[in-house]
C-alpha atoms as a PDB file:
ATOM      1  CA  UNK A   1       0.042  -0.068   0.015  1.00  0.00           C
ATOM      2  CA  UNK A   2       1.107   3.679  -1.013  1.00  0.00           C
ATOM      3  CA  UNK A   3       2.204   5.849   2.225  1.00  0.00           C
ATOM      4  CA  UNK A   4      -0.239   8.072   1.156  1.00  0.00           C
ATOM      5  CA  UNK A   5      -2.891   5.771   1.679  1.00  0.00           C
ATOM      6  CA  UNK A   6      -1.820   4.647   4.861  1.00  0.00           C
ATOM      7  CA  UNK A   7      -2.681   8.350   6.207  1.00  0.00           C
ATOM      8  CA  UNK A   8      -5.781   9.109   7.645  1.00  0.00           C
ATOM      9  CA  UNK A   9      -7.204  12.078   7.657  1.00  0.00           C
ATOM     10  CA  UNK A  10      -8.500  13.523  10.413  1.00  0.00           C
ATOM     11  CA  UNK A  11     -10.362  16.632   9.107  1.00  0.00           C
ATOM     12  CA  UNK A  12     -11.995  16.966   5.999  1.00  0.00           C
ATOM     13  CA  UNK A  13     -10.653  20.593   5.392  1.00  0.00           C
ATOM     14  CA  UNK A  14      -7.768  22.185   6.256  1.00  0.00           C
ATOM     15  CA  UNK A  15      -7.737  25.980   7.662  1.00  0.00           C
ATOM     16  CA  UNK A  16      -4.453  27.471   6.618  1.00  0.00           C
ATOM     17  CA  UNK A  17      -3.525  30.960   6.201  1.00  0.00           C
ATOM     18  CA  UNK A  18      -3.720  32.178   3.068  1.00  0.00           C
ATOM     19  CA  UNK A  19      -0.417  31.442   0.715  1.00  0.00           C
ATOM     20  CA  UNK A  20       0.718  28.819   3.154  1.00  0.00           C
ATOM     21  CA  UNK A  21       0.811  24.282   2.546  1.00  0.00           C
ATOM     22  CA  UNK A  22       3.157  22.222   2.154  1.00  0.00           C
ATOM     23  CA  UNK A  23       3.374  19.238  -0.493  1.00  0.00           C
ATOM     24  CA  UNK A  24       4.995  16.175   0.158  1.00  0.00           C
ATOM     25  CA  UNK A  25       6.708  13.414  -1.847  1.00  0.00           C
ATOM     26  CA  UNK A  26       7.264  10.117  -0.285  1.00  0.00           C
ATOM     27  CA  UNK A  27       9.915   7.709  -1.095  1.00  0.00           C
ATOM     28  CA  UNK A  28       7.674   5.095  -3.151  1.00  0.00           C
ATOM     29  CA  UNK A  29       6.163   8.119  -5.383  1.00  0.00           C
ATOM     30  CA  UNK A  30       3.243   9.163  -3.410  1.00  0.00           C
ATOM     31  CA  UNK A  31       1.913  12.715  -2.707  1.00  0.00           C
ATOM     32  CA  UNK A  32      -0.109  14.534  -0.320  1.00  0.00           C
ATOM     33  CA  UNK A  33      -0.489  18.067   0.158  1.00  0.00           C
ATOM     34  CA  UNK A  34      -1.807  20.650   3.110  1.00  0.00           C
ATOM     35  CA  UNK A  35      -4.951  21.079   1.217  1.00  0.00           C
ATOM     36  CA  UNK A  36      -5.946  17.672   1.957  1.00  0.00           C
ATOM     37  CA  UNK A  37      -3.974  16.458   5.577  1.00  0.00           C
ATOM     38  CA  UNK A  38      -3.365  18.235   8.235  1.00  0.00           C
ATOM     39  CA  UNK A  39       0.650  17.791   9.387  1.00  0.00           C
ATOM     40  CA  UNK A  40      -0.711  15.689  12.339  1.00  0.00           C
ATOM     41  CA  UNK A  41      -2.603  13.127  10.512  1.00  0.00           C
ATOM     42  CA  UNK A  42       1.118  11.472   9.776  1.00  0.00           C
ATOM     43  CA  UNK A  43       3.647  12.603  12.774  1.00  0.00           C
ATOM     44  CA  UNK A  44       3.928  12.318  16.206  1.00  0.00           C
ATOM     45  CA  UNK A  45       5.293  14.232  19.390  1.00  0.00           C
ATOM     46  CA  UNK A  46       9.146  14.120  19.817  1.00  0.00           C
ATOM     47  CA  UNK A  47      11.314  15.171  21.968  1.00  0.00           C
ATOM     48  CA  UNK A  48      15.044  16.221  19.903  1.00  0.00           C
ATOM     49  CA  UNK A  49      18.553  17.897  21.085  1.00  0.00           C
ATOM     50  CA  UNK A  50      18.633  21.518  19.021  1.00  0.00           C
ATOM     51  CA  UNK A  51      21.716  23.044  19.988  1.00  0.00           C
ATOM     52  CA  UNK A  52      21.969  20.996  23.271  1.00  0.00           C
ATOM     53  CA  UNK A  53      18.415  22.134  24.652  1.00  0.00           C
ATOM     54  CA  UNK A  54      15.423  20.009  24.473  1.00  0.00           C
ATOM     55  CA  UNK A  55      12.808  20.917  22.150  1.00  0.00           C
ATOM     56  CA  UNK A  56       9.704  19.453  21.747  1.00  0.00           C
ATOM     57  CA  UNK A  57       8.712  18.789  17.816  1.00  0.00           C
ATOM     58  CA  UNK A  58       5.799  17.118  15.416  1.00  0.00           C
ATOM     59  CA  UNK A  59       8.117  14.420  13.954  1.00  0.00           C
ATOM     60  CA  UNK A  60       6.785  12.764  10.424  1.00  0.00           C
ATOM     61  CA  UNK A  61       6.228   8.863  11.202  1.00  0.00           C
ATOM     62  CA  UNK A  62       6.919   8.399   7.312  1.00  0.00           C
ATOM     63  CA  UNK A  63       9.986   8.329   5.418  1.00  0.00           C
ATOM     64  CA  UNK A  64       9.740  11.541   3.269  1.00  0.00           C
ATOM     65  CA  UNK A  65      11.856  11.957  -0.076  1.00  0.00           C
ATOM     66  CA  UNK A  66      11.119  15.620  -0.507  1.00  0.00           C
ATOM     67  CA  UNK A  67       9.117  18.553   1.230  1.00  0.00           C
ATOM     68  CA  UNK A  68       8.477  21.683   0.131  1.00  0.00           C
ATOM     69  CA  UNK A  69       6.922  24.095   2.413  1.00  0.00           C
ATOM     70  CA  UNK A  70       5.136  27.412   0.998  1.00  0.00           C
ATOM     71  CA  UNK A  71       4.366  30.592   2.963  1.00  0.00           C
ATOM     72  CA  UNK A  72       3.559  33.698   1.319  1.00  0.00           C
ATOM     73  CA  UNK A  73       6.559  34.344  -1.138  1.00  0.00           C
ATOM     74  CA  UNK A  74       8.914  32.012   0.803  1.00  0.00           C
ATOM     75  CA  UNK A  75       9.652  28.449  -0.746  1.00  0.00           C
ATOM     76  CA  UNK A  76      12.176  26.103   0.316  1.00  0.00           C
ATOM     77  CA  UNK A  77      12.197  22.568  -0.415  1.00  0.00           C
ATOM     78  CA  UNK A  78      13.890  19.895   2.051  1.00  0.00           C
ATOM     79  CA  UNK A  79      15.904  16.834   0.481  1.00  0.00           C
ATOM     80  CA  UNK A  80      16.609  14.724   3.508  1.00  0.00           C
ATOM     81  CA  UNK A  81      18.746  11.725   3.833  1.00  0.00           C
ATOM     82  CA  UNK A  82      17.918   8.048   4.383  1.00  0.00           C
ATOM     83  CA  UNK A  83      16.684   8.046   7.523  1.00  0.00           C
ATOM     84  CA  UNK A  84      16.376  11.619   8.337  1.00  0.00           C
ATOM     85  CA  UNK A  85      13.031  12.849   9.910  1.00  0.00           C
ATOM     86  CA  UNK A  86      11.300  16.232   9.345  1.00  0.00           C
ATOM     87  CA  UNK A  87       8.701  18.432  10.999  1.00  0.00           C
ATOM     88  CA  UNK A  88       7.163  21.723  10.296  1.00  0.00           C
ATOM     89  CA  UNK A  89       5.497  23.856  12.713  1.00  0.00           C
ATOM     90  CA  UNK A  90       3.824  27.510  12.846  1.00  0.00           C
ATOM     91  CA  UNK A  91       5.773  30.419  14.248  1.00  0.00           C
ATOM     92  CA  UNK A  92       3.224  32.833  15.841  1.00  0.00           C
ATOM     93  CA  UNK A  93       2.209  35.077  18.237  1.00  0.00           C
ATOM     94  CA  UNK A  94      -0.428  35.118  21.271  1.00  0.00           C
ATOM     95  CA  UNK A  95      -1.969  37.618  22.590  1.00  0.00           C
ATOM     96  CA  UNK A  96      -4.366  38.175  25.965  1.00  0.00           C
ATOM     97  CA  UNK A  97      -5.629  41.186  25.191  1.00  0.00           C
ATOM     98  CA  UNK A  98      -7.325  43.267  28.956  1.00  0.00           C
ATOM     99  CA  UNK A  99     -10.864  42.170  27.224  1.00  0.00           C
ATOM    100  CA  UNK A 100      -9.493  38.586  27.648  1.00  0.00           C
ATOM    101  CA  UNK A 101     -10.024  38.250  24.451  1.00  0.00           C
ATOM    102  CA  UNK A 102      -7.224  35.902  22.928  1.00  0.00           C
ATOM    103  CA  UNK A 103      -5.302  37.073  19.362  1.00  0.00           C
ATOM    104  CA  UNK A 104      -2.969  34.533  17.365  1.00  0.00           C
ATOM    105  CA  UNK A 105      -1.459  35.881  14.608  1.00  0.00           C
ATOM    106  CA  UNK A 106       0.787  33.671  12.499  1.00  0.00           C
ATOM    107  CA  UNK A 107       4.006  34.830  11.134  1.00  0.00           C
ATOM    108  CA  UNK A 108       5.647  32.429   9.830  1.00  0.00           C
ATOM    109  CA  UNK A 109       6.900  28.018   8.982  1.00  0.00           C
ATOM    110  CA  UNK A 110       9.358  26.572   9.864  1.00  0.00           C
ATOM    111  CA  UNK A 111      10.897  23.168   9.037  1.00  0.00           C
ATOM    112  CA  UNK A 112      13.581  21.283  10.430  1.00  0.00           C
ATOM    113  CA  UNK A 113      15.648  18.117   9.817  1.00  0.00           C
ATOM    114  CA  UNK A 114      15.963  15.606  12.380  1.00  0.00           C
ATOM    115  CA  UNK A 115      19.283  12.810  12.633  1.00  0.00           C
ATOM    116  CA  UNK A 116      19.187  10.162  15.526  1.00  0.00           C
ATOM    117  CA  UNK A 117      17.408  12.474  17.956  1.00  0.00           C
ATOM    118  CA  UNK A 118      19.036  15.953  17.362  1.00  0.00           C
ATOM    119  CA  UNK A 119      18.103  18.945  14.616  1.00  0.00           C
ATOM    120  CA  UNK A 120      20.883  19.140  12.267  1.00  0.00           C
ATOM    121  CA  UNK A 121      18.778  22.305  10.147  1.00  0.00           C
ATOM    122  CA  UNK A 122      16.556  24.117  10.397  1.00  0.00           C
ATOM    123  CA  UNK A 123      14.613  26.663   8.192  1.00  0.00           C
ATOM    124  CA  UNK A 124      12.126  29.785   9.044  1.00  0.00           C
ATOM    125  CA  UNK A 125      10.394  31.182   6.339  1.00  0.00           C
ATOM    126  CA  UNK A 126       8.332  34.664   7.135  1.00  0.00           C
ATOM    127  CA  UNK A 127       6.282  35.501   3.576  1.00  0.00           C
ATOM    128  CA  UNK A 128       9.450  37.349   2.613  1.00  0.00           C
ATOM    129  CA  UNK A 129      12.540  35.279   3.109  1.00  0.00           C
ATOM    130  CA  UNK A 130      14.184  32.008   3.846  1.00  0.00           C
ATOM    131  CA  UNK A 131      16.616  32.204   6.544  1.00  0.00           C
ATOM    132  CA  UNK A 132      18.392  29.247   7.450  1.00  0.00           C
ATOM    133  CA  UNK A 133      21.041  27.395  10.131  1.00  0.00           C
ATOM    134  CA  UNK A 134      22.650  23.952   9.512  1.00  0.00           C
ATOM    135  CA  UNK A 135      24.045  23.058  12.953  1.00  0.00           C
END
């Protein structure tokens, strides 16, 4: 069975910020997009080493051949090596106003590569630029 057929969709439609999405190709050439799936549909919580500190991320449960992440005009493609795991997340700011109303604003996306429990690369997309760091 192809990887894309193994993933159970938890939600019928994913609500995303305009111009923000991922496109994934699995090693068996099957594909999925964020228009159809949520990252949570095929990832699991994990604690990883991030430059000597611990970081909680949502790691893909399936090997990924390539992941293209788009946010506004920012686009990046990750080509992990065999055995590497990928995580993605939104970056945002939550504000609690005096009227006790929570306001959340999405600032961008982040994608990272994990090898043997350690983050080896992370890229940030803010809608205009892609900035990254290799560890």
